[in-house]
C-alpha atoms as a PDB file:
ATOM      1  CA  MET A   1       0.000   0.000   0.000  1.00  0.00           C
ATOM      2  CA  PRO A   2       1.361   3.488  -0.799  1.00  0.00           C
ATOM      3  CA  ILE A   3       2.595   5.331   2.271  1.00  0.00           C
ATOM      4  CA  LYS A   4       2.444   9.100   2.617  1.00  0.00           C
ATOM      5  CA  LYS A   5       4.551  10.614   5.332  1.00  0.00           C
ATOM      6  CA  GLN A   6       4.414  14.233   6.488  1.00  0.00           C
ATOM      7  CA  THR A   7       7.310  15.579   8.470  1.00  0.00           C
ATOM      8  CA  ASN A   8       6.651  18.374  10.976  1.00  0.00           C
ATOM      9  CA  PRO A   9       3.057  17.129  11.540  1.00  0.00           C
ATOM     10  CA  GLY A  10       0.527  19.789  12.489  1.00  0.00           C
ATOM     11  CA  ASN A  11       2.699  22.682  11.342  1.00  0.00           C
ATOM     12  CA  PHE A  12       3.165  22.932   7.622  1.00  0.00           C
ATOM     13  CA  PHE A  13       5.537  25.835   7.864  1.00  0.00           C
ATOM     14  CA  SER A  14       7.972  24.641  10.490  1.00  0.00           C
ATOM     15  CA  SER A  15      11.455  25.534   9.326  1.00  0.00           C
ATOM     16  CA  ALA A  16      13.201  22.614   7.627  1.00  0.00           C
ATOM     17  CA  SER A  17      16.424  21.504   9.303  1.00  0.00           C
ATOM     18  CA  VAL A  18      19.670  21.702   7.344  1.00  0.00           C
ATOM     19  CA  LEU A  19      21.273  18.297   6.778  1.00  0.00           C
ATOM     20  CA  LYS A  20      25.072  18.367   6.815  1.00  0.00           C
ATOM     21  CA  ILE A  21      26.690  15.539   4.816  1.00  0.00           C
ATOM     22  CA  ALA A  22      30.090  14.291   5.911  1.00  0.00           C
ATOM     23  CA  PHE A  23      32.737  13.841   3.204  1.00  0.00           C
ATOM     24  CA  GLY A  24      32.623  10.413   1.653  1.00  0.00           C
ATOM     25  CA  LEU A  25      28.959   9.713   2.415  1.00  0.00           C
ATOM     26  CA  CYS A  26      27.007   8.253  -0.501  1.00  0.00           C
ATOM     27  CA  ILE A  27      24.013  10.459  -1.291  1.00  0.00           C
ATOM     28  CA  THR A  28      21.196   8.360  -2.684  1.00  0.00           C
ATOM     29  CA  GLY A  29      18.648  11.111  -3.391  1.00  0.00           C
ATOM     30  CA  LEU A  30      18.580  12.334  -6.978  1.00  0.00           C
ATOM     31  CA  TYR A  31      17.260  15.669  -8.236  1.00  0.00           C
ATOM     32  CA  SER A  32      16.574  16.215 -11.879  1.00  0.00           C
ATOM     33  CA  ASN A  33      14.468  18.879 -13.587  1.00  0.00           C
ATOM     34  CA  SER A  34      13.474  16.406 -16.262  1.00  0.00           C
ATOM     35  CA  ASN A  35      12.230  13.971 -13.636  1.00  0.00           C
ATOM     36  CA  ALA A  36      10.971  16.548 -11.130  1.00  0.00           C
ATOM     37  CA  ALA A  37       7.515  16.333  -9.599  1.00  0.00           C
ATOM     38  CA  GLU A  38       4.880  18.752 -10.802  1.00  0.00           C
ATOM     39  CA  CYS A  39       3.106  20.755  -8.086  1.00  0.00           C
ATOM     40  CA  ASN A  40       0.180  23.158  -8.149  1.00  0.00           C
ATOM     41  CA  ILE A  41      -1.435  25.457  -5.605  1.00  0.00           C
ATOM     42  CA  SER A  42      -5.109  26.408  -5.506  1.00  0.00           C
ATOM     43  CA  SER A  43      -6.249  30.020  -5.678  1.00  0.00           C
ATOM     44  CA  LEU A  44      -6.690  32.053  -2.507  1.00  0.00           C
ATOM     45  CA  SER A  45     -10.075  33.482  -1.519  1.00  0.00           C
ATOM     46  CA  LEU A  46     -10.146  35.335   1.801  1.00  0.00           C
ATOM     47  CA  ASP A  47     -13.157  37.434   2.850  1.00  0.00           C
ATOM     48  CA  PHE A  48     -13.016  39.545   6.014  1.00  0.00           C
ATOM     49  CA  GLY A  49     -16.698  40.429   5.708  1.00  0.00           C
ATOM     50  CA  GLU A  50     -17.695  43.686   7.407  1.00  0.00           C
ATOM     51  CA  VAL A  51     -14.770  45.411   9.113  1.00  0.00           C
ATOM     52  CA  SER A  52     -14.476  48.464  11.336  1.00  0.00           C
ATOM     53  CA  THR A  53     -11.781  50.465  13.115  1.00  0.00           C
ATOM     54  CA  ALA A  54     -11.050  47.451  15.331  1.00  0.00           C
ATOM     55  CA  ALA A  55      -8.646  44.708  14.244  1.00  0.00           C
ATOM     56  CA  ASN A  56     -10.389  42.171  12.020  1.00  0.00           C
ATOM     57  CA  PHE A  57      -9.405  38.536  11.484  1.00  0.00           C
ATOM     58  CA  ALA A  58     -10.152  35.894   8.868  1.00  0.00           C
ATOM     59  CA  SER A  59      -8.600  32.678   7.596  1.00  0.00           C
ATOM     60  CA  THR A  60      -8.899  30.335   4.657  1.00  0.00           C
ATOM     61  CA  THR A  61      -7.322  27.193   3.232  1.00  0.00           C
ATOM     62  CA  VAL A  62      -5.403  26.663   0.016  1.00  0.00           C
ATOM     63  CA  THR A  63      -4.351  23.244  -1.242  1.00  0.00           C
ATOM     64  CA  VAL A  64      -1.033  22.117  -2.709  1.00  0.00           C
ATOM     65  CA  THR A  65      -1.044  19.010  -4.905  1.00  0.00           C
ATOM     66  CA  CYS A  66       2.040  17.314  -6.321  1.00  0.00           C
ATOM     67  CA  ASN A  67       2.251  14.461  -8.814  1.00  0.00           C
ATOM     68  CA  PRO A  68       5.348  12.303  -8.224  1.00  0.00           C
ATOM     69  CA  PRO A  69       7.616  11.689 -11.241  1.00  0.00           C
ATOM     70  CA  ASN A  70       7.643   7.885 -10.777  1.00  0.00           C
ATOM     71  CA  ASN A  71       6.397   5.076  -8.587  1.00  0.00           C
ATOM     72  CA  GLY A  72       9.245   5.337  -6.133  1.00  0.00           C
ATOM     73  CA  LYS A  73       9.771   7.395  -3.046  1.00  0.00           C
ATOM     74  CA  THR A  74       9.731  11.185  -3.523  1.00  0.00           C
ATOM     75  CA  ASN A  75      10.880  13.805  -1.010  1.00  0.00           C
ATOM     76  CA  TYR A  76       9.535  17.341  -1.349  1.00  0.00           C
ATOM     77  CA  THR A  77      10.508  20.721   0.032  1.00  0.00           C
ATOM     78  CA  LEU A  78       7.722  23.307  -0.330  1.00  0.00           C
ATOM     79  CA  CYS A  79       7.920  27.046   0.422  1.00  0.00           C
ATOM     80  CA  LEU A  80       4.990  29.487   0.241  1.00  0.00           C
ATOM     81  CA  SER A  81       5.141  33.172  -0.721  1.00  0.00           C
ATOM     82  CA  ALA A  82       2.623  35.822  -1.756  1.00  0.00           C
ATOM     83  CA  ASP A  83       3.252  38.697  -4.127  1.00  0.00           C
ATOM     84  CA  SER A  84       1.585  41.678  -5.803  1.00  0.00           C
ATOM     85  CA  TRP A  85       2.835  44.551  -7.899  1.00  0.00           C
ATOM     86  CA  ALA A  86       1.256  46.877  -5.324  1.00  0.00           C
ATOM     87  CA  TYR A  87       3.171  45.172  -2.473  1.00  0.00           C
ATOM     88  CA  ALA A  88       5.815  47.587  -1.244  1.00  0.00           C
ATOM     89  CA  ASN A  89       7.562  48.531   1.983  1.00  0.00           C
ATOM     90  CA  ASN A  90       6.427  45.285   3.569  1.00  0.00           C
ATOM     91  CA  SER A  91       2.779  46.370   3.362  1.00  0.00           C
ATOM     92  CA  ARG A  92      -0.320  45.006   1.651  1.00  0.00           C
ATOM     93  CA  TYR A  93      -3.447  47.007   0.903  1.00  0.00           C
ATOM     94  CA  LEU A  94      -7.044  46.497  -0.165  1.00  0.00           C
ATOM     95  CA  TYR A  95      -8.420  49.218  -2.421  1.00  0.00           C
ATOM     96  CA  ARG A  96     -11.901  50.695  -2.838  1.00  0.00           C
ATOM     97  CA  GLY A  97     -11.211  51.746  -6.404  1.00  0.00           C
ATOM     98  CA  ILE A  98      -8.142  52.215  -8.562  1.00  0.00           C
ATOM     99  CA  PRO A  99      -5.076  50.905  -6.684  1.00  0.00           C
ATOM    100  CA  LEU A 100      -2.761  53.543  -5.212  1.00  0.00           C
ATOM    101  CA  LEU A 101      -5.216  56.293  -6.212  1.00  0.00           C
ATOM    102  CA  SER A 102      -8.124  55.511  -3.908  1.00  0.00           C
ATOM    103  CA  ASP A 103      -8.997  54.719  -0.308  1.00  0.00           C
ATOM    104  CA  SER A 104      -7.186  51.706   1.077  1.00  0.00           C
ATOM    105  CA  LEU A 105      -7.176  49.258   3.982  1.00  0.00           C
ATOM    106  CA  ARG A 106      -3.870  47.853   5.215  1.00  0.00           C
ATOM    107  CA  TYR A 107      -3.827  44.113   5.801  1.00  0.00           C
ATOM    108  CA  ASP A 108      -1.417  41.186   5.916  1.00  0.00           C
ATOM    109  CA  LEU A 109      -1.282  37.428   5.383  1.00  0.00           C
ATOM    110  CA  PHE A 110       0.334  35.119   7.940  1.00  0.00           C
ATOM    111  CA  TYR A 111       1.535  31.540   8.284  1.00  0.00           C
ATOM    112  CA  ASP A 112       0.317  31.234  11.881  1.00  0.00           C
ATOM    113  CA  PRO A 113      -2.920  31.923  13.806  1.00  0.00           C
ATOM    114  CA  ALA A 114      -1.068  34.252  16.192  1.00  0.00           C
ATOM    115  CA  ARG A 115      -0.392  36.524  13.186  1.00  0.00           C
ATOM    116  CA  GLU A 116       3.312  36.811  13.988  1.00  0.00           C
ATOM    117  CA  ASN A 117       4.947  35.381  10.830  1.00  0.00           C
ATOM    118  CA  LYS A 118       4.021  37.228   7.656  1.00  0.00           C
ATOM    119  CA  ILE A 119       3.814  35.546   4.281  1.00  0.00           C
ATOM    120  CA  LYS A 120       6.072  37.778   2.225  1.00  0.00           C
ATOM    121  CA  SER A 121       7.156  37.866  -1.411  1.00  0.00           C
ATOM    122  CA  LYS A 122       9.653  35.368  -2.819  1.00  0.00           C
ATOM    123  CA  SER A 123      12.269  38.125  -3.007  1.00  0.00           C
ATOM    124  CA  GLU A 124      12.373  38.159   0.801  1.00  0.00           C
ATOM    125  CA  THR A 125      13.802  34.651   1.056  1.00  0.00           C
ATOM    126  CA  SER A 126      15.002  34.934   4.648  1.00  0.00           C
ATOM    127  CA  SER A 127      11.435  35.165   5.943  1.00  0.00           C
ATOM    128  CA  LEU A 128       9.796  32.422   3.878  1.00  0.00           C
ATOM    129  CA  GLN A 129       8.821  29.248   5.691  1.00  0.00           C
ATOM    130  CA  CYS A 130       9.288  25.797   4.168  1.00  0.00           C
ATOM    131  CA  SER A 131       8.318  22.230   5.046  1.00  0.00           C
ATOM    132  CA  ASN A 132       9.308  18.728   3.958  1.00  0.00           C
ATOM    133  CA  PHE A 133       6.998  15.932   2.799  1.00  0.00           C
ATOM    134  CA  THR A 134       7.456  12.371   1.555  1.00  0.00           C
ATOM    135  CA  VAL A 135       5.311  10.051  -0.557  1.00  0.00           C
ATOM    136  CA  THR A 136       5.971   6.522  -1.764  1.00  0.00           C
ATOM    137  CA  GLY A 137       4.451   4.733  -4.709  1.00  0.00           C
ATOM    138  CA  ASN A 138       2.517   6.770  -7.229  1.00  0.00           C
ATOM    139  CA  GLU A 139       0.259   8.481  -4.695  1.00  0.00           C
ATOM    140  CA  LYS A 140      -0.386  12.197  -5.183  1.00  0.00           C
ATOM    141  CA  LEU A 141       0.787  14.541  -2.424  1.00  0.00           C
ATOM    142  CA  THR A 142      -2.053  16.722  -1.117  1.00  0.00           C
ATOM    143  CA  VAL A 143      -1.292  19.371   1.506  1.00  0.00           C
ATOM    144  CA  PRO A 144      -3.935  21.780   2.902  1.00  0.00           C
ATOM    145  CA  ILE A 145      -2.380  25.058   4.016  1.00  0.00           C
ATOM    146  CA  GLN A 146      -4.133  27.440   6.386  1.00  0.00           C
ATOM    147  CA  VAL A 147      -3.613  31.125   5.574  1.00  0.00           C
ATOM    148  CA  TYR A 148      -4.434  33.710   8.246  1.00  0.00           C
ATOM    149  CA  GLY A 149      -5.400  37.309   7.507  1.00  0.00           C
ATOM    150  CA  LEU A 150      -5.461  40.510   9.547  1.00  0.00           C
ATOM    151  CA  VAL A 151      -6.923  43.934   8.758  1.00  0.00           C
ATOM    152  CA  TYR A 152      -5.086  46.300  11.075  1.00  0.00           C
ATOM    153  CA  SER A 153      -6.943  48.376  13.657  1.00  0.00           C
ATOM    154  CA  GLY A 154      -7.244  52.161  13.715  1.00  0.00           C
ATOM    155  CA  GLN A 155      -7.954  52.645  10.011  1.00  0.00           C
ATOM    156  CA  GLN A 156     -10.608  55.125   8.924  1.00  0.00           C
ATOM    157  CA  PRO A 157     -11.261  54.911   5.185  1.00  0.00           C
ATOM    158  CA  ALA A 158     -14.488  55.676   3.382  1.00  0.00           C
ATOM    159  CA  MET A 159     -17.331  53.198   3.515  1.00  0.00           C
ATOM    160  CA  GLY A 160     -17.439  50.593   0.772  1.00  0.00           C
ATOM    161  CA  GLN A 161     -16.089  47.388  -0.740  1.00  0.00           C
ATOM    162  CA  TYR A 162     -12.308  46.868  -0.686  1.00  0.00           C
ATOM    163  CA  ASN A 163     -10.429  44.318  -2.794  1.00  0.00           C
ATOM    164  CA  SER A 164      -6.851  43.177  -3.216  1.00  0.00           C
ATOM    165  CA  SER A 165      -5.049  43.999  -6.442  1.00  0.00           C
ATOM    166  CA  THR A 166      -3.005  41.510  -8.520  1.00  0.00           C
ATOM    167  CA  LEU A 167      -2.375  39.262  -5.522  1.00  0.00           C
ATOM    168  CA  SER A 168      -0.829  35.890  -6.307  1.00  0.00           C
ATOM    169  CA  LEU A 169       0.358  32.935  -4.263  1.00  0.00           C
ATOM    170  CA  GLU A 170       3.669  31.410  -5.304  1.00  0.00           C
ATOM    171  CA  LEU A 171       4.780  27.945  -4.296  1.00  0.00           C
ATOM    172  CA  LEU A 172       8.523  27.366  -4.589  1.00  0.00           C
ATOM    173  CA  TYR A 173       9.352  23.680  -4.574  1.00  0.00           C
ATOM    174  CA  ALA A 174      11.808  20.940  -5.477  1.00  0.00           C
ATOM    175  CA  SER A 175      11.838  17.167  -5.086  1.00  0.00           C
ATOM    176  CA  TYR A 176      14.320  14.317  -4.733  1.00  0.00           C
ATOM    177  CA  LYS A 177      13.392  10.841  -5.867  1.00  0.00           C
ATOM    178  CA  GLY A 178      14.510   8.072  -3.579  1.00  0.00           C
ATOM    179  CA  GLY A 179      16.843   8.255  -0.618  1.00  0.00           C
ATOM    180  CA  SER A 180      16.378  10.088   2.662  1.00  0.00           C
ATOM    181  CA  LEU A 181      17.431  13.606   1.709  1.00  0.00           C
ATOM    182  CA  TYR A 182      15.194  16.590   1.055  1.00  0.00           C
ATOM    183  CA  PRO A 183      16.043  19.469  -1.264  1.00  0.00           C
ATOM    184  CA  ASP A 184      17.892  22.144   0.660  1.00  0.00           C
ATOM    185  CA  ARG A 185      15.844  25.249   1.504  1.00  0.00           C
ATOM    186  CA  ASN A 186      18.330  27.587  -0.155  1.00  0.00           C
ATOM    187  CA  GLU A 187      18.334  25.381  -3.235  1.00  0.00           C
ATOM    188  CA  VAL A 188      14.544  25.628  -3.447  1.00  0.00           C
ATOM    189  CA  LEU A 189      14.494  29.404  -2.974  1.00  0.00           C
ATOM    190  CA  THR A 190      17.207  30.076  -5.546  1.00  0.00           C
ATOM    191  CA  SER A 191      16.588  27.480  -8.252  1.00  0.00           C
ATOM    192  CA  GLY A 192      13.392  25.624  -7.400  1.00  0.00           C
ATOM    193  CA  THR A 193      10.299  25.459  -9.577  1.00  0.00           C
ATOM    194  CA  ILE A 194       7.543  28.041  -9.046  1.00  0.00           C
ATOM    195  CA  ALA A 195       3.822  27.286  -9.189  1.00  0.00           C
ATOM    196  CA  SER A 196       1.507  30.303  -9.056  1.00  0.00           C
ATOM    197  CA  SER A 197      -2.181  30.909  -8.477  1.00  0.00           C
ATOM    198  CA  SER A 198      -4.354  33.981  -8.225  1.00  0.00           C
ATOM    199  CA  GLY A 199      -5.585  35.413  -4.952  1.00  0.00           C
ATOM    200  CA  LEU A 200      -8.474  37.645  -3.908  1.00  0.00           C
ATOM    201  CA  VAL A 201      -8.852  39.277  -0.497  1.00  0.00           C
ATOM    202  CA  THR A 202     -11.990  41.295   0.204  1.00  0.00           C
ATOM    203  CA  ALA A 203     -13.480  43.372   3.009  1.00  0.00           C
ATOM    204  CA  TYR A 204     -16.409  45.743   3.408  1.00  0.00           C
ATOM    205  CA  TYR A 205     -15.768  48.768   5.582  1.00  0.00           C
ATOM    206  CA  GLU A 206     -19.096  49.231   7.310  1.00  0.00           C
ATOM    207  CA  ASN A 207     -20.772  52.622   7.612  1.00  0.00           C
ATOM    208  CA  SER A 208     -21.602  52.063  11.258  1.00  0.00           C
ATOM    209  CA  CYS A 209     -22.734  55.506  12.343  1.00  0.00           C
ATOM    210  CA  VAL A 210     -23.455  56.133  16.014  1.00  0.00           C
ATOM    211  CA  LEU A 211     -25.898  58.630  17.511  1.00  0.00           C
ATOM    212  CA  HIS A 212     -24.090  59.454  20.739  1.00  0.00           C
ATOM    213  CA  ASN A 213     -26.307  61.947  22.536  1.00  0.00           C
ATOM    214  CA  ALA A 214     -29.070  64.531  22.331  1.00  0.00           C
ATOM    215  CA  THR A 215     -29.203  67.075  25.152  1.00  0.00           C
ATOM    216  CA  ASP A 216     -32.427  68.518  26.547  1.00  0.00           C
ATOM    217  CA  LEU A 217     -33.615  71.826  25.179  1.00  0.00           C
ATOM    218  CA  VAL A 218     -34.635  73.931  28.188  1.00  0.00           C
ATOM    219  CA  PHE A 219     -36.356  77.300  27.806  1.00  0.00           C
ATOM    220  CA  GLY A 220     -36.313  78.097  31.522  1.00  0.00           C
ATOM    221  CA  SER A 221     -38.952  79.574  33.850  1.00  0.00           C
ATOM    222  CA  PHE A 222     -41.061  82.629  33.023  1.00  0.00           C
ATOM    223  CA  ASP A 223     -44.000  84.522  34.501  1.00  0.00           C
ATOM    224  CA  ASN A 224     -45.517  85.092  31.076  1.00  0.00           C
ATOM    225  CA  LEU A 225     -44.865  84.738  27.358  1.00  0.00           C
ATOM    226  CA  ASN A 226     -45.205  88.349  26.302  1.00  0.00           C
ATOM    227  CA  THR A 227     -41.956  87.981  24.311  1.00  0.00           C
ATOM    228  CA  ASP A 228     -40.321  85.187  22.329  1.00  0.00           C
ATOM    229  CA  LYS A 229     -38.156  82.781  24.301  1.00  0.00           C
ATOM    230  CA  THR A 230     -35.216  80.947  22.690  1.00  0.00           C
ATOM    231  CA  SER A 231     -32.810  78.212  23.647  1.00  0.00           C
ATOM    232  CA  SER A 232     -30.651  75.530  22.048  1.00  0.00           C
ATOM    233  CA  ALA A 233     -29.540  71.916  22.450  1.00  0.00           C
ATOM    234  CA  GLN A 234     -26.969  69.657  20.835  1.00  0.00           C
ATOM    235  CA  ILE A 235     -26.989  66.364  18.952  1.00  0.00           C
ATOM    236  CA  SER A 236     -23.698  64.448  18.674  1.00  0.00           C
ATOM    237  CA  LEU A 237     -23.015  61.662  16.180  1.00  0.00           C
ATOM    238  CA  GLN A 238     -20.112  59.834  14.580  1.00  0.00           C
ATOM    239  CA  CYS A 239     -19.831  58.317  11.095  1.00  0.00           C
ATOM    240  CA  PRO A 240     -16.983  56.863   9.008  1.00  0.00           C
ATOM    241  CA  ASN A 241     -15.138  59.195   6.695  1.00  0.00           C
ATOM    242  CA  ARG A 242     -17.293  60.561   3.845  1.00  0.00           C
ATOM    243  CA  THR A 243     -20.329  58.488   4.831  1.00  0.00           C
ATOM    244  CA  ALA A 244     -23.410  60.551   3.958  1.00  0.00           C
ATOM    245  CA  TRP A 245     -25.841  61.017   6.851  1.00  0.00           C
ATOM    246  CA  LYS A 246     -29.149  62.774   7.578  1.00  0.00           C
ATOM    247  CA  VAL A 247     -30.720  63.746  10.897  1.00  0.00           C
ATOM    248  CA  SER A 248     -34.464  64.238  11.190  1.00  0.00           C
ATOM    249  CA  LEU A 249     -36.700  65.363  14.075  1.00  0.00           C
ATOM    250  CA  ASN A 250     -40.284  64.249  14.372  1.00  0.00           C
ATOM    251  CA  GLN A 251     -43.133  66.600  15.330  1.00  0.00           C
ATOM    252  CA  GLY A 252     -43.259  65.438  18.926  1.00  0.00           C
ATOM    253  CA  LYS A 253     -46.052  63.892  21.006  1.00  0.00           C
ATOM    254  CA  TYR A 254     -48.529  66.771  20.998  1.00  0.00           C
ATOM    255  CA  ALA A 255     -48.267  68.347  17.537  1.00  0.00           C
ATOM    256  CA  LEU A 256     -51.327  69.650  15.716  1.00  0.00           C
ATOM    257  CA  GLY A 257     -52.425  68.206  12.413  1.00  0.00           C
ATOM    258  CA  ASN A 258     -50.684  71.025  10.548  1.00  0.00           C
ATOM    259  CA  GLY A 259     -47.375  70.049  12.170  1.00  0.00           C
ATOM    260  CA  GLN A 260     -47.294  72.794  14.806  1.00  0.00           C
ATOM    261  CA  ARG A 261     -45.201  71.499  17.699  1.00  0.00           C
ATOM    262  CA  ARG A 262     -46.625  71.911  21.189  1.00  0.00           C
ATOM    263  CA  MET A 263     -45.646  71.298  24.812  1.00  0.00           C
ATOM    264  CA  TRP A 264     -48.176  70.146  27.391  1.00  0.00           C
ATOM    265  CA  ASN A 265     -48.392  70.547  31.166  1.00  0.00           C
ATOM    266  CA  GLY A 266     -51.153  67.981  31.660  1.00  0.00           C
ATOM    267  CA  GLN A 267     -53.864  70.562  31.109  1.00  0.00           C
ATOM    268  CA  ASP A 268     -52.917  73.147  28.483  1.00  0.00           C
ATOM    269  CA  TYR A 269     -50.524  73.556  25.544  1.00  0.00           C
ATOM    270  CA  ILE A 270     -47.796  76.009  24.535  1.00  0.00           C
ATOM    271  CA  ASN A 271     -46.677  76.315  20.903  1.00  0.00           C
ATOM    272  CA  TYR A 272     -42.996  76.100  20.069  1.00  0.00           C
ATOM    273  CA  GLU A 273     -40.737  75.311  17.088  1.00  0.00           C
ATOM    274  CA  LEU A 274     -37.317  73.776  16.349  1.00  0.00           C
ATOM    275  CA  TYR A 275     -34.832  75.121  13.796  1.00  0.00           C
ATOM    276  CA  SER A 276     -31.543  74.071  12.243  1.00  0.00           C
ATOM    277  CA  ASP A 277     -30.077  77.579  12.002  1.00  0.00           C
ATOM    278  CA  PRO A 278     -29.401  80.284  14.590  1.00  0.00           C
ATOM    279  CA  GLY A 279     -31.462  82.747  12.548  1.00  0.00           C
ATOM    280  CA  LEU A 280     -34.541  80.570  13.202  1.00  0.00           C
ATOM    281  CA  SER A 281     -35.530  80.518   9.551  1.00  0.00           C
ATOM    282  CA  ARG A 282     -35.272  76.797   8.711  1.00  0.00           C
ATOM    283  CA  VAL A 283     -37.723  74.576  10.547  1.00  0.00           C
ATOM    284  CA  TRP A 284     -36.155  71.209  11.365  1.00  0.00           C
ATOM    285  CA  GLY A 285     -38.444  68.324  10.519  1.00  0.00           C
ATOM    286  CA  ALA A 286     -38.531  64.822   9.085  1.00  0.00           C
ATOM    287  CA  ASP A 287     -39.002  65.458   5.362  1.00  0.00           C
ATOM    288  CA  SER A 288     -36.140  65.577   2.865  1.00  0.00           C
ATOM    289  CA  ASN A 289     -36.249  69.363   2.605  1.00  0.00           C
ATOM    290  CA  SER A 290     -35.998  70.062   6.317  1.00  0.00           C
ATOM    291  CA  MET A 291     -33.548  67.391   7.533  1.00  0.00           C
ATOM    292  CA  VAL A 292     -29.953  68.304   8.365  1.00  0.00           C
ATOM    293  CA  GLN A 293     -27.422  66.374   6.298  1.00  0.00           C
ATOM    294  CA  SER A 294     -23.680  66.130   5.865  1.00  0.00           C
ATOM    295  CA  SER A 295     -20.969  63.443   5.703  1.00  0.00           C
ATOM    296  CA  GLY A 296     -18.846  61.664   8.281  1.00  0.00           C
ATOM    297  CA  THR A 297     -15.321  62.566   9.310  1.00  0.00           C
ATOM    298  CA  ASN A 298     -14.589  59.579  11.602  1.00  0.00           C
ATOM    299  CA  GLN A 299     -14.756  62.076  14.456  1.00  0.00           C
ATOM    300  CA  ILE A 300     -17.671  63.036  16.703  1.00  0.00           C
ATOM    301  CA  GLN A 301     -19.732  65.738  15.010  1.00  0.00           C
ATOM    302  CA  THR A 302     -22.001  68.095  16.955  1.00  0.00           C
ATOM    303  CA  ILE A 303     -25.149  69.694  15.540  1.00  0.00           C
ATOM    304  CA  ALA A 304     -27.010  72.526  17.243  1.00  0.00           C
ATOM    305  CA  VAL A 305     -30.800  72.491  17.586  1.00  0.00           C
ATOM    306  CA  TYR A 306     -32.375  75.920  18.019  1.00  0.00           C
ATOM    307  CA  GLY A 307     -35.747  76.321  19.698  1.00  0.00           C
ATOM    308  CA  LYS A 308     -38.230  79.180  19.981  1.00  0.00           C
ATOM    309  CA  VAL A 309     -41.375  79.643  22.040  1.00  0.00           C
ATOM    310  CA  PRO A 310     -43.222  82.545  20.368  1.00  0.00           C
ATOM    311  CA  LYS A 311     -45.096  85.071  22.458  1.00  0.00           C
ATOM    312  CA  GLN A 312     -48.572  83.795  23.273  1.00  0.00           C
ATOM    313  CA  ASN A 313     -51.181  83.633  25.961  1.00  0.00           C
ATOM    314  CA  VAL A 314     -50.631  81.041  28.672  1.00  0.00           C
ATOM    315  CA  GLN A 315     -53.726  79.393  30.070  1.00  0.00           C
ATOM    316  CA  SER A 316     -52.217  77.803  33.159  1.00  0.00           C
ATOM    317  CA  ALA A 317     -48.939  77.602  35.034  1.00  0.00           C
ATOM    318  CA  GLY A 318     -46.990  74.374  35.096  1.00  0.00           C
ATOM    319  CA  ASP A 319     -44.106  72.353  33.704  1.00  0.00           C
ATOM    320  CA  TYR A 320     -44.597  72.136  29.924  1.00  0.00           C
ATOM    321  CA  GLN A 321     -42.811  69.329  28.106  1.00  0.00           C
ATOM    322  CA  ASP A 322     -42.631  67.478  24.811  1.00  0.00           C
ATOM    323  CA  THR A 323     -40.597  64.507  23.550  1.00  0.00           C
ATOM    324  CA  ILE A 324     -38.819  64.647  20.193  1.00  0.00           C
ATOM    325  CA  THR A 325     -37.452  61.587  18.387  1.00  0.00           C
ATOM    326  CA  VAL A 326     -34.068  62.094  16.701  1.00  0.00           C
ATOM    327  CA  THR A 327     -33.410  59.779  13.740  1.00  0.00           C
ATOM    328  CA  LEU A 328     -29.979  59.311  12.139  1.00  0.00           C
ATOM    329  CA  THR A 329     -30.109  57.882   8.624  1.00  0.00           C
ATOM    330  CA  TYR A 330     -26.976  56.886   6.668  1.00  0.00           C
END
């Protein structure tokens, strides 16, 4: 029965040990390009889903398959790298539009779940991790490789879909037929065969706006309403950069059918109105023409609400109140 043996079980990318051969030892492993095994690596598909300013994690599996050159024993050394023309300064990015000209999210790929050992390009040979495998007979070598991803915390791009650009996985490999030796790591990295596959990493930066607070609007205490009374309050919110938002105010609990806002003391009403400008010319409501709108900056934004109680007759003394619902739409 064919026997497949995996060295370094449970850790595909454990560093291969270097075998020193004493002078005069007969080396029985043979390496020949014409008789070399053919290996392939499946494409990478890694989706972070919805991400935010916190660190975000995801993982996926790619599969390496190798066809041995003959029915005998074959020893493999496999090394994994990842490359992209946009990969520079040891950094990888996802882009919302045209690479290098649009919003981006910095991310990385790792060999390990602790996200400590990055999968770098094949030009950075000192950091690439390799492993050894053996098959006997004509059995195909199949190796699942877990790839771990991280979108770094503290990033504040615009809302939207982000994708990797020209990402490819590259498997550097070599094989010896027969014997007990494995191809040397340096040999693989300098003159081994390369198998490539495409890769796609995606993330959606969510437009998770937050309505932080709405302060009370207090007009104070008065003996009469022979003159207009004014006051103001504040609404604070936070949205991702350039995320469009709108804030609407309903008519309150005691409004008339024509939309006139009113406060009630349990017996009588007092008319009042809310505005979005200090000049008290723009009534703040819930329709598209009266809502306040802008776009996010990633920072807390504060909006002033201006109120006016016009002069009017008061039927009874008391504590007049109303409740307004603030709605943030984005």
